[in-house]
Protein backbone atom coordinates (compact mmCIF):
# COMPACT_ATOMS: atom_id res chain seq x y z
CA MET A 1 8.44 -30.97 34.24
CA ALA A 2 8.67 -29.96 30.59
CA GLN A 3 6.52 -27.23 29.12
CA TRP A 4 5.45 -26.91 25.51
CA LEU A 5 6.23 -23.73 23.61
CA THR A 6 5.63 -22.33 20.16
CA ILE A 7 8.61 -22.11 17.82
CA TRP A 8 8.39 -18.31 18.06
CA ARG A 9 8.62 -18.32 21.88
CA ALA A 10 11.29 -21.03 21.89
CA ALA A 11 13.53 -19.02 19.53
CA GLN A 12 13.08 -15.97 21.74
CA LEU A 13 14.07 -17.91 24.86
CA VAL A 14 17.24 -19.54 23.51
CA GLY A 15 18.28 -16.47 21.51
CA VAL A 16 18.41 -17.89 17.97
CA PRO A 17 16.52 -16.92 14.80
CA ARG A 18 13.21 -18.70 14.35
CA GLY A 19 14.44 -19.97 10.98
CA VAL A 20 17.25 -21.89 12.72
CA LEU A 21 14.77 -23.84 14.87
CA GLN A 22 12.52 -24.44 11.85
CA GLN A 23 15.50 -25.86 9.97
CA ARG A 24 16.24 -28.21 12.90
CA VAL A 25 12.61 -29.30 12.80
CA ARG A 26 12.93 -30.15 9.08
CA SER A 27 16.16 -32.06 9.72
CA GLY A 28 14.52 -34.14 12.46
CA GLU A 29 16.55 -32.76 15.38
CA ILE A 30 13.42 -31.26 16.91
CA GLU A 31 10.14 -33.15 17.11
CA LEU A 32 6.96 -31.10 17.36
CA ALA A 33 3.73 -32.06 19.09
CA ASP A 34 0.79 -30.11 17.66
CA GLY A 35 3.28 -27.50 16.44
CA LEU A 36 4.92 -27.10 19.88
CA VAL A 37 8.44 -27.90 21.11
CA SER A 38 9.25 -29.06 24.64
CA THR A 39 11.61 -27.21 26.98
CA GLU A 40 13.46 -30.49 27.56
CA THR A 41 14.34 -30.63 23.87
CA LEU A 42 15.49 -27.01 23.90
CA LEU A 43 17.75 -27.55 26.92
CA ARG A 44 19.24 -30.65 25.31
CA LEU A 45 20.08 -28.73 22.12
CA TYR A 46 21.05 -25.48 23.88
CA PRO A 47 22.46 -26.54 27.28
CA GLN A 48 24.28 -23.22 27.68
CA THR A 49 20.98 -21.31 27.94
CA GLU A 50 20.76 -19.23 31.11
CA LEU A 51 18.23 -16.75 32.41
CA GLU A 52 20.38 -13.85 31.25
CA ALA A 53 20.69 -15.38 27.77
CA SER A 54 17.46 -13.79 26.65
CA GLY A 55 19.23 -10.45 26.90
CA MET A 56 16.00 -8.85 28.07
CA LEU A 57 16.98 -8.44 31.72
CA GLU A 58 20.53 -7.37 30.93
CA ARG A 59 19.33 -4.61 28.66
CA VAL A 60 17.13 -3.24 31.42
CA VAL A 61 19.18 -3.78 34.56
CA HIS A 62 22.80 -3.38 33.53
CA ILE A 63 22.54 0.23 32.38
CA ARG A 64 24.88 2.70 34.04
CA ASP A 65 23.83 5.86 32.26
CA GLU A 66 20.54 6.83 33.92
CA ALA A 67 19.14 8.89 31.03
CA PHE A 68 20.01 6.25 28.46
CA GLY A 69 18.68 3.55 30.77
CA ARG A 70 15.39 5.39 31.10
CA ARG A 71 14.99 5.63 27.33
CA LEU A 72 15.87 1.96 26.96
CA ARG A 73 13.35 0.93 29.61
CA GLU A 74 10.69 2.94 27.83
CA ARG A 75 11.46 1.02 24.65
CA LEU A 76 11.62 -2.44 26.20
CA LEU A 77 9.01 -2.26 28.95
CA PRO A 78 5.32 -1.52 28.55
CA SER A 79 3.64 1.33 30.37
CA GLN A 80 2.86 0.96 34.07
CA GLU A 81 -0.83 0.43 33.29
CA VAL A 82 -0.16 -2.32 30.74
CA LEU A 83 2.47 -3.95 32.96
CA ALA A 84 0.00 -3.94 35.88
CA GLN A 85 -2.69 -5.49 33.68
CA ARG A 86 -0.38 -8.27 32.48
CA LEU A 87 0.76 -8.99 36.05
CA PHE A 88 -2.87 -9.05 37.20
CA ASN A 89 -3.77 -11.50 34.44
CA GLN A 90 -0.83 -13.72 35.32
CA GLY A 91 -1.85 -13.51 38.96
CA GLN A 92 -5.33 -14.66 38.05
CA GLU A 93 -3.91 -17.59 36.07
CA LEU A 94 -1.67 -18.54 38.99
CA ALA A 95 -4.59 -18.31 41.43
CA ASP A 96 -6.68 -20.56 39.16
CA VAL A 97 -3.85 -23.10 38.99
CA GLN A 98 -3.36 -23.04 42.76
CA ARG A 99 -7.09 -23.48 43.35
CA HIS A 100 -7.24 -26.47 41.00
CA LEU A 101 -4.15 -27.99 42.62
CA GLN A 102 -5.67 -27.62 46.08
CA ARG A 103 -8.86 -29.32 44.93
CA TYR A 104 -6.96 -32.14 43.24
CA HIS A 105 -4.81 -32.56 46.35
CA ALA A 106 -7.86 -32.73 48.59
CA LEU A 107 -9.44 -35.29 46.24
CA VAL A 108 -6.31 -37.47 46.27
CA ILE A 109 -6.08 -37.34 50.09
CA ALA A 110 -9.74 -38.31 50.41
CA LEU A 111 -9.26 -41.23 48.01
CA ARG A 112 -6.15 -42.35 49.90
CA GLU A 113 -8.04 -42.39 53.20
CA GLN A 114 -10.90 -44.39 51.71
CA LEU A 115 -8.49 -46.88 50.16
CA ALA A 116 -6.65 -47.22 53.47
CA ALA A 117 -9.93 -48.21 55.11
CA LEU A 118 -10.75 -50.78 52.41
CA ALA A 119 -7.28 -52.15 51.74
CA THR A 120 -7.19 -54.48 54.78
CA ASP A 121 -9.35 -57.10 53.09
CA ASP A 122 -8.31 -56.82 49.46
CA PRO A 123 -4.66 -57.14 48.34
CA ARG A 124 -5.46 -55.35 45.06
CA LEU A 125 -6.78 -52.33 46.97
CA ALA A 126 -3.69 -52.46 49.18
CA ALA A 127 -1.46 -52.36 46.09
CA LEU A 128 -3.49 -49.45 44.70
CA HIS A 129 -3.13 -47.66 48.04
CA ARG A 130 0.67 -48.08 47.93
CA GLN A 131 0.76 -46.86 44.33
CA LEU A 132 -1.24 -43.78 45.30
CA ASN A 133 1.07 -43.06 48.26
CA ASP A 134 4.18 -43.40 46.08
CA GLY A 135 2.72 -41.16 43.37
CA LEU A 136 1.71 -38.53 45.90
CA ALA A 137 5.21 -38.57 47.39
CA ARG A 138 6.77 -38.04 43.99
CA ALA A 139 4.37 -35.20 43.17
CA LEU A 140 5.16 -33.43 46.45
CA ALA A 141 8.93 -33.97 46.17
CA THR A 142 11.09 -30.92 45.49
CA GLU A 143 12.32 -30.80 41.90
CA SER A 144 14.80 -28.49 40.21
CA VAL A 145 13.22 -25.55 38.45
CA ASP A 146 13.34 -25.56 34.64
CA ARG A 147 15.18 -22.33 33.85
CA LEU A 148 13.37 -22.01 30.53
CA ASP A 149 10.08 -22.00 32.45
CA VAL A 150 11.39 -19.09 34.52
CA MET A 151 12.52 -17.22 31.43
CA ASP A 152 9.16 -17.80 29.79
CA ASP A 153 7.31 -16.37 32.79
CA VAL A 154 9.53 -13.27 32.75
CA LEU A 155 9.05 -12.74 29.02
CA LYS A 156 5.29 -13.05 29.38
CA VAL A 157 5.31 -9.95 31.55
CA MET A 158 7.84 -7.94 29.58
CA SER A 159 6.73 -8.88 26.06
CA ALA A 160 3.40 -10.27 24.96
CA GLN A 161 2.97 -12.95 22.29
CA VAL A 162 0.32 -12.26 19.66
CA THR A 163 -1.05 -14.89 17.30
CA LEU A 164 -2.71 -13.69 14.13
CA ARG A 165 -5.55 -15.69 12.62
CA PRO A 166 -6.20 -17.14 10.11
CA SER A 167 -2.54 -16.99 8.96
CA GLY A 168 -1.08 -18.31 12.23
CA HIS A 169 1.71 -15.70 12.15
CA GLN A 170 3.08 -14.70 15.53
CA PHE A 171 4.85 -11.60 16.78
CA SER A 172 5.88 -10.02 20.08
CA VAL A 173 4.78 -6.70 21.53
CA GLU A 174 7.49 -4.90 23.48
CA GLY A 175 7.66 -1.55 25.19
CA HIS A 176 5.03 1.00 24.23
CA ASP A 177 4.37 -0.49 20.79
CA THR A 178 0.79 -0.83 19.63
CA LEU A 179 -0.41 -4.01 17.98
CA LEU A 180 -0.02 -2.35 14.60
CA GLN A 181 3.51 -1.10 15.27
CA ALA A 182 4.65 -4.46 16.64
CA GLY A 183 3.12 -6.34 13.71
CA LEU A 184 4.84 -4.08 11.18
CA ARG A 185 8.17 -4.43 13.01
CA ALA A 186 7.74 -8.19 12.71
CA GLY A 187 7.37 -7.85 8.95
CA LEU A 188 3.67 -8.70 8.73
CA LYS A 189 1.56 -7.26 5.90
CA LEU A 190 -1.22 -5.90 8.09
CA ASN A 191 -4.07 -3.83 6.73
CA TYR A 192 -4.03 -0.18 7.86
CA GLY A 193 -4.34 3.39 6.64
CA CYS A 194 -3.59 6.43 8.76
CA GLY A 195 -2.01 4.70 11.76
CA ASN A 196 -3.44 7.28 14.18
CA GLY A 197 -7.01 6.13 14.80
CA SER A 198 -8.80 8.19 12.16
CA CYS A 199 -9.66 5.77 9.34
CA GLY A 200 -10.58 2.46 10.99
CA MET A 201 -8.76 0.34 8.39
CA CYS A 202 -6.68 -1.45 11.04
CA LYS A 203 -9.64 -3.07 12.79
CA VAL A 204 -8.85 -6.47 14.30
CA ARG A 205 -11.04 -8.87 16.26
CA VAL A 206 -9.80 -10.09 19.65
CA THR A 207 -10.69 -13.76 20.05
CA ASP A 208 -8.58 -14.65 23.08
CA GLY A 209 -6.74 -12.54 25.67
CA GLN A 210 -7.07 -8.88 26.54
CA VAL A 211 -5.97 -5.58 25.04
CA ALA A 212 -5.21 -2.18 26.56
CA ARG A 213 -6.00 1.15 24.92
CA THR A 214 -2.99 3.38 24.28
CA MET A 215 -4.56 6.52 22.81
CA HIS A 216 -7.80 8.31 21.96
CA THR A 217 -9.18 7.74 18.46
CA ASP A 218 -11.50 9.75 16.24
CA TYR A 219 -12.83 6.65 14.51
CA VAL A 220 -15.85 5.25 16.38
CA LEU A 221 -16.59 1.53 16.33
CA SER A 222 -20.24 0.51 16.18
CA GLU A 223 -21.84 -1.18 19.17
CA THR A 224 -22.05 -4.39 17.14
CA GLU A 225 -18.32 -4.27 16.37
CA LYS A 226 -17.51 -3.65 20.03
CA SER A 227 -19.67 -6.57 21.13
CA GLN A 228 -17.87 -8.82 18.64
CA GLY A 229 -14.46 -7.87 20.06
CA TYR A 230 -13.20 -5.47 17.39
CA VAL A 231 -10.54 -2.87 18.30
CA LEU A 232 -8.20 -0.61 16.36
CA ALA A 233 -4.72 -2.13 16.19
CA CYS A 234 -3.13 1.33 16.01
CA ALA A 235 -4.67 2.36 19.34
CA HIS A 236 -4.30 -0.79 21.45
CA THR A 237 -1.53 -2.96 22.79
CA ALA A 238 -1.53 -6.43 24.34
CA GLY A 239 -2.97 -6.35 27.85
CA SER A 240 -2.35 -10.04 28.49
CA ALA A 241 0.79 -12.11 28.02
CA GLU A 242 -0.82 -14.05 25.18
CA LEU A 243 -3.29 -12.62 22.70
CA THR A 244 -5.06 -13.96 19.63
CA ILE A 245 -6.54 -11.62 17.04
CA GLU A 246 -8.22 -12.01 13.67
CA SER A 247 -7.21 -9.88 10.70
CA LEU A 248 -6.57 -10.31 7.00
CA GLU A 249 -3.08 -9.67 5.64
CA ALA A 250 -1.93 -8.61 2.22
CA ALA A 251 -1.01 -11.62 0.11
CA GLY A 252 1.16 -9.60 -2.25
CA PRO A 253 1.58 -6.34 -4.19
CA ALA A 254 -1.91 -6.61 -5.70
CA ASP A 255 -3.39 -6.11 -2.22
CA ILE A 256 -1.54 -2.83 -1.60
CA PRO A 257 -3.63 0.16 -2.79
CA ALA A 258 -2.21 2.91 -4.98
CA GLN A 259 -1.58 6.05 -2.94
CA HIS A 260 -0.74 9.70 -3.50
CA LEU A 261 0.99 11.52 -0.66
CA VAL A 262 2.60 14.90 -0.28
CA THR A 263 5.76 14.25 1.74
CA GLN A 264 8.35 16.59 3.18
CA VAL A 265 12.10 16.48 2.80
CA ARG A 266 13.59 15.57 6.13
CA ALA A 267 17.21 15.53 4.97
CA VAL A 268 19.52 15.17 1.98
CA ARG A 269 22.81 13.61 3.01
CA GLU A 270 25.95 12.65 1.11
CA LEU A 271 26.69 8.94 1.28
CA ALA A 272 29.49 9.14 -1.29
CA PRO A 273 30.65 11.71 -3.88
CA ASP A 274 28.11 10.47 -6.44
CA THR A 275 25.38 9.13 -4.13
CA ARG A 276 22.91 11.00 -1.93
CA LEU A 277 20.46 9.75 0.69
CA LEU A 278 17.07 11.41 0.28
CA HIS A 279 15.01 11.15 3.46
CA LEU A 280 11.31 11.93 3.06
CA GLN A 281 8.70 11.97 5.80
CA THR A 282 4.99 11.37 5.32
CA PRO A 283 2.25 13.21 7.25
CA ARG A 284 1.28 11.60 10.55
CA SER A 285 -2.26 11.18 9.29
CA HIS A 286 -1.34 9.54 5.97
CA ARG A 287 1.51 7.07 5.93
CA LEU A 288 2.75 5.03 2.99
CA ARG A 289 1.73 1.40 3.01
CA PHE A 290 4.16 -0.63 0.92
CA LEU A 291 6.02 -3.92 0.74
CA ALA A 292 9.78 -4.23 1.06
CA GLY A 293 11.42 -4.06 -2.37
CA GLN A 294 8.76 -1.88 -4.00
CA SER A 295 9.30 1.49 -5.72
CA VAL A 296 7.48 4.83 -5.88
CA THR A 297 7.48 7.82 -8.23
CA LEU A 298 8.69 11.09 -6.73
CA GLY A 299 7.78 14.45 -8.23
CA LEU A 300 8.88 17.98 -7.42
CA ALA A 301 6.47 20.88 -7.59
CA LEU A 302 8.90 22.75 -9.86
CA GLY A 303 7.84 20.96 -13.04
CA GLU A 304 6.46 17.81 -14.65
CA GLY A 305 9.91 16.78 -15.86
CA LEU A 306 11.25 16.59 -12.31
CA ARG A 307 10.01 13.08 -11.64
CA SER A 308 11.86 9.89 -10.92
CA THR A 309 10.84 6.33 -10.04
CA LEU A 310 13.06 5.03 -7.25
CA PRO A 311 13.05 1.90 -5.08
CA ILE A 312 12.44 2.51 -1.39
CA ALA A 313 15.58 1.69 0.58
CA SER A 314 13.94 1.53 4.02
CA CYS A 315 11.82 -1.05 5.81
CA PRO A 316 8.00 -0.98 5.80
CA CYS A 317 8.13 -1.16 9.59
CA ASP A 318 8.86 2.61 9.57
CA ASP A 319 6.18 3.81 7.18
CA ARG A 320 6.67 7.53 7.89
CA ASN A 321 10.39 7.77 7.19
CA LEU A 322 11.23 6.79 3.62
CA HIS A 323 14.81 6.54 2.37
CA PHE A 324 16.00 6.69 -1.25
CA PHE A 325 19.45 6.44 -2.83
CA VAL A 326 19.92 8.99 -5.63
CA ALA A 327 22.90 8.50 -7.94
CA ARG A 328 24.44 11.34 -9.91
CA ASP A 329 22.94 11.17 -13.40
CA ALA A 330 23.31 13.80 -16.12
CA ASP A 331 20.20 12.45 -17.86
CA SER A 332 17.93 12.80 -14.80
CA ALA A 333 16.55 16.26 -14.02
CA PHE A 334 15.41 14.96 -10.64
CA ALA A 335 18.91 13.75 -9.73
CA GLN A 336 20.44 17.02 -10.92
CA GLN A 337 18.08 18.92 -8.63
CA VAL A 338 19.09 16.76 -5.67
CA PHE A 339 22.82 17.19 -6.29
CA ALA A 340 22.49 20.92 -7.00
CA GLY A 341 20.99 21.50 -3.56
CA GLY A 342 17.52 22.18 -4.94
CA LEU A 343 15.87 20.14 -2.19
CA LYS A 344 15.89 21.57 1.33
CA PRO A 345 14.41 20.24 4.58
CA GLY A 346 10.72 21.09 4.63
CA ASP A 347 10.28 21.12 0.84
CA ALA A 348 7.24 19.26 -0.52
CA VAL A 349 7.71 16.17 -2.66
CA ASN A 350 4.78 14.37 -4.29
CA LEU A 351 4.78 10.60 -4.05
CA TRP A 352 2.81 8.08 -6.11
CA GLY A 353 2.84 4.34 -5.56
CA PRO A 354 3.90 1.81 -4.56
CA VAL A 355 4.67 -0.32 -7.62
CA GLY A 356 6.70 -3.44 -8.28
CA GLU A 357 6.71 -7.21 -7.75
CA PHE A 358 10.23 -7.45 -6.29
CA VAL A 359 9.09 -8.63 -2.86
CA LEU A 360 9.98 -11.52 -0.58
CA ALA A 361 8.27 -14.79 -1.48
CA ASP A 362 6.78 -16.97 1.22
CA GLY A 363 9.10 -19.74 2.30
CA GLN A 364 11.91 -20.69 4.61
CA ARG A 365 14.84 -21.13 2.23
CA PRO A 366 18.15 -19.32 2.78
CA LEU A 367 18.09 -15.93 1.05
CA VAL A 368 20.77 -14.69 -1.37
CA PHE A 369 20.79 -11.03 -2.45
CA VAL A 370 22.76 -9.93 -5.51
CA ALA A 371 22.99 -6.16 -6.13
CA CYS A 372 24.80 -3.75 -8.40
CA ASP A 373 25.42 -0.11 -7.37
CA THR A 374 22.10 1.50 -6.28
CA GLY A 375 20.41 -1.86 -6.76
CA PHE A 376 21.36 -2.10 -3.11
CA ALA A 377 18.31 0.10 -2.32
CA PRO A 378 15.54 -2.50 -2.78
CA VAL A 379 17.89 -5.21 -1.51
CA LYS A 380 18.47 -3.26 1.72
CA SER A 381 14.71 -2.99 2.21
CA LEU A 382 14.33 -6.74 1.63
CA ILE A 383 17.15 -7.59 4.04
CA GLU A 384 15.66 -5.45 6.80
CA HIS A 385 12.26 -7.01 6.15
CA ALA A 386 13.75 -10.53 6.24
CA LEU A 387 15.46 -9.74 9.54
CA SER A 388 12.10 -8.60 10.93
CA LEU A 389 10.44 -11.83 9.80
CA ASP A 390 13.24 -13.85 11.45
CA ALA A 391 12.32 -16.88 9.34
CA ALA A 392 15.25 -17.36 6.96
CA PRO A 393 18.04 -19.70 8.17
CA SER A 394 20.66 -17.42 6.59
CA LEU A 395 21.08 -14.28 4.49
CA SER A 396 23.92 -13.62 2.06
CA LEU A 397 24.68 -10.42 0.14
CA PHE A 398 26.89 -10.13 -2.97
CA TRP A 399 27.30 -6.47 -3.99
CA LEU A 400 29.00 -5.32 -7.20
CA ALA A 401 30.24 -1.75 -7.69
CA THR A 402 30.80 -0.49 -11.25
CA ARG A 403 31.88 2.99 -10.12
CA PRO A 404 34.35 4.18 -7.46
CA ASP A 405 31.72 4.92 -4.82
CA GLY A 406 29.44 1.98 -5.64
CA HIS A 407 29.76 0.48 -2.15
CA PHE A 408 28.39 3.60 -0.46
CA LEU A 409 26.98 1.67 2.54
CA ALA A 410 29.66 -0.94 3.07
CA ASN A 411 29.71 0.04 6.75
CA GLN A 412 26.06 -1.05 7.05
CA CYS A 413 26.93 -4.47 5.62
CA ARG A 414 29.83 -4.77 8.04
CA ALA A 415 27.55 -3.87 10.97
CA TRP A 416 25.03 -6.54 9.97
CA SER A 417 27.78 -9.12 9.63
CA GLU A 418 29.29 -8.33 13.02
CA ALA A 419 25.94 -8.28 14.81
CA LEU A 420 24.25 -11.25 13.13
CA ASP A 421 25.54 -14.80 12.87
CA LEU A 422 23.09 -15.56 10.05
CA PHE A 423 24.32 -12.74 7.76
CA GLU A 424 27.39 -12.69 5.50
CA TYR A 425 28.41 -10.46 2.63
CA ALA A 426 31.01 -10.04 -0.11
CA LEU A 427 31.91 -6.93 -2.13
CA PHE A 428 33.02 -6.96 -5.77
CA THR A 429 34.29 -4.32 -8.20
CA ASP A 430 34.16 -4.34 -12.00
CA ALA A 431 33.52 -1.45 -14.37
CA ASP A 432 31.61 -3.76 -16.71
CA ALA A 433 28.22 -4.78 -15.26
CA SER A 434 27.95 -8.01 -17.25
CA ALA A 435 31.48 -9.15 -16.44
CA GLY A 436 30.91 -8.24 -12.82
CA ALA A 437 27.69 -10.26 -12.77
CA ARG A 438 29.56 -13.35 -13.96
CA GLN A 439 32.20 -12.75 -11.28
CA VAL A 440 29.51 -12.49 -8.60
CA VAL A 441 27.64 -15.63 -9.70
CA THR A 442 30.92 -17.58 -9.75
CA ALA A 443 31.44 -16.57 -6.11
CA VAL A 444 27.83 -17.49 -5.29
CA ARG A 445 28.27 -20.94 -6.80
CA ALA A 446 31.51 -21.49 -4.91
CA ASP A 447 29.92 -20.56 -1.58
CA LEU A 448 26.28 -21.59 -1.84
CA PHE A 449 25.67 -23.84 -4.82
CA ASP A 450 24.92 -26.85 -2.63
CA ILE A 451 22.19 -24.92 -0.82
CA ASP A 452 18.62 -24.59 -2.03
CA CYS A 453 18.18 -20.80 -1.91
CA ASP A 454 15.95 -17.99 -3.11
CA PHE A 455 17.88 -15.39 -5.16
CA TYR A 456 17.02 -11.69 -5.39
CA VAL A 457 18.89 -9.75 -8.09
CA ALA A 458 18.69 -5.95 -8.51
CA GLY A 459 20.61 -3.50 -10.67
CA PRO A 460 20.93 -2.24 -14.26
CA GLN A 461 19.61 -4.30 -17.18
CA ALA A 462 22.96 -5.75 -18.24
CA PHE A 463 23.80 -6.89 -14.72
CA VAL A 464 20.39 -8.40 -13.97
CA ALA A 465 20.12 -10.24 -17.30
CA THR A 466 23.59 -11.76 -17.01
CA ALA A 467 23.21 -12.76 -13.37
CA ARG A 468 19.81 -14.33 -14.04
CA ASP A 469 21.09 -16.30 -17.02
CA GLU A 470 24.16 -17.49 -15.11
CA LEU A 471 22.04 -18.65 -12.16
CA ARG A 472 19.62 -20.47 -14.44
CA ALA A 473 22.56 -22.12 -16.25
CA ALA A 474 23.85 -23.26 -12.86
CA GLY A 475 20.57 -25.12 -12.29
CA VAL A 476 18.66 -22.69 -10.09
CA PRO A 477 14.91 -23.13 -10.82
CA ALA A 478 13.25 -20.10 -12.42
CA PRO A 479 10.70 -19.65 -9.57
CA GLN A 480 13.60 -19.14 -7.14
CA VAL A 481 15.14 -16.20 -9.03
CA PHE A 482 13.53 -12.76 -8.51
CA VAL A 483 14.81 -9.75 -10.43
CA GLU A 484 14.43 -5.97 -10.42
CA VAL A 485 15.82 -3.86 -13.27
CA LEU A 486 16.63 -0.27 -12.34
CA SER A 487 16.51 2.30 -15.14
């Protein structure tokens, strides 16, 4: 018997991006009923699906190295207390179903006996009695088990499904993640502050399902808030297999507050002869809330002139560890300090921000990223965010280098391409940014011009202006071209 699943759960079961299923819905291959897809439809479209296809069991069971396996289990499986609570809740649901089935069965048997007594004098009652007997025989007959039903039951124990109201966004909670951590990993723009239970900004209201506390918090909810179902998302995880919570999300950059943090240098690492990775870490009690693609201003305590505005190259899902790509620049005192070894692990760096409108727009179009040199920084953040959202049918990257070490993270692109069917990339080289932009857009048109896409372009002024003009000349609507000029 078919079950009905959300698109999010269906994608998780058959092992494809959610955007792929949404595209099949738009094309008419999948019909939804109240926003749900049937397991029969999934098995027809993905007949190769097996229990192991989810990858969840394989990642836990087929681990030979005991220490590594233990770390992996800690990441994938919830704590013993949470696991026990989810199993108990599922047991309660199963007991309720069994009790209802027993009552329905008893009712049907009683009706059959009464009909048998009355059917001797009325042919219509006799026909109804036969129909009831046949239906009961079919209901009691042994049927093959729907393997997607089995997979769904397993996933409900190992990972919980959370629905966020009023947006309707959904995400999964795996391992020891809190609701806040899991939501950020899924790319949601949740409201929060400290992330450690001190400020209360991550309050959410539980409307269906149960939660489990994961840590002590200094922030105290009022009795009224407790009675209304409010909890701190940073200090609770999903206690039941399915959970519904209420919380507002940021609609865009205007909803992200300006912040000032004092961060510490975690590392300065050479990516290429003229490019350094600057890794900053925020305090545990004050993390940076930002959107993928945004920038911040960094300042050293050595002087007012040692400031630089740089795009964040990391994903908002890890709000403590911030990555920046610093290019060698004789006109930047900040860059000179980085390359001269003036920043050491543990040094303080002031941070102001975030700023910028170069963020992912809502929608389900294929995404095309066009970058030049360190314009790859905000693009990398956007790509990681898009992968977390799992909503785009495909992602394509076109990266131009105007200097010898311009493709300083080509290995990262190659890793994405090898691991993800939905990602492809192409690298280009041209010392002239404008000429290179025309070369890149020509390649984009050859590969993707027949596809309705959203384009994200980042790099120096000459590159961005040329690429934008070329895309507009090719017929791409202005609202589908997003640009970020790096100084």
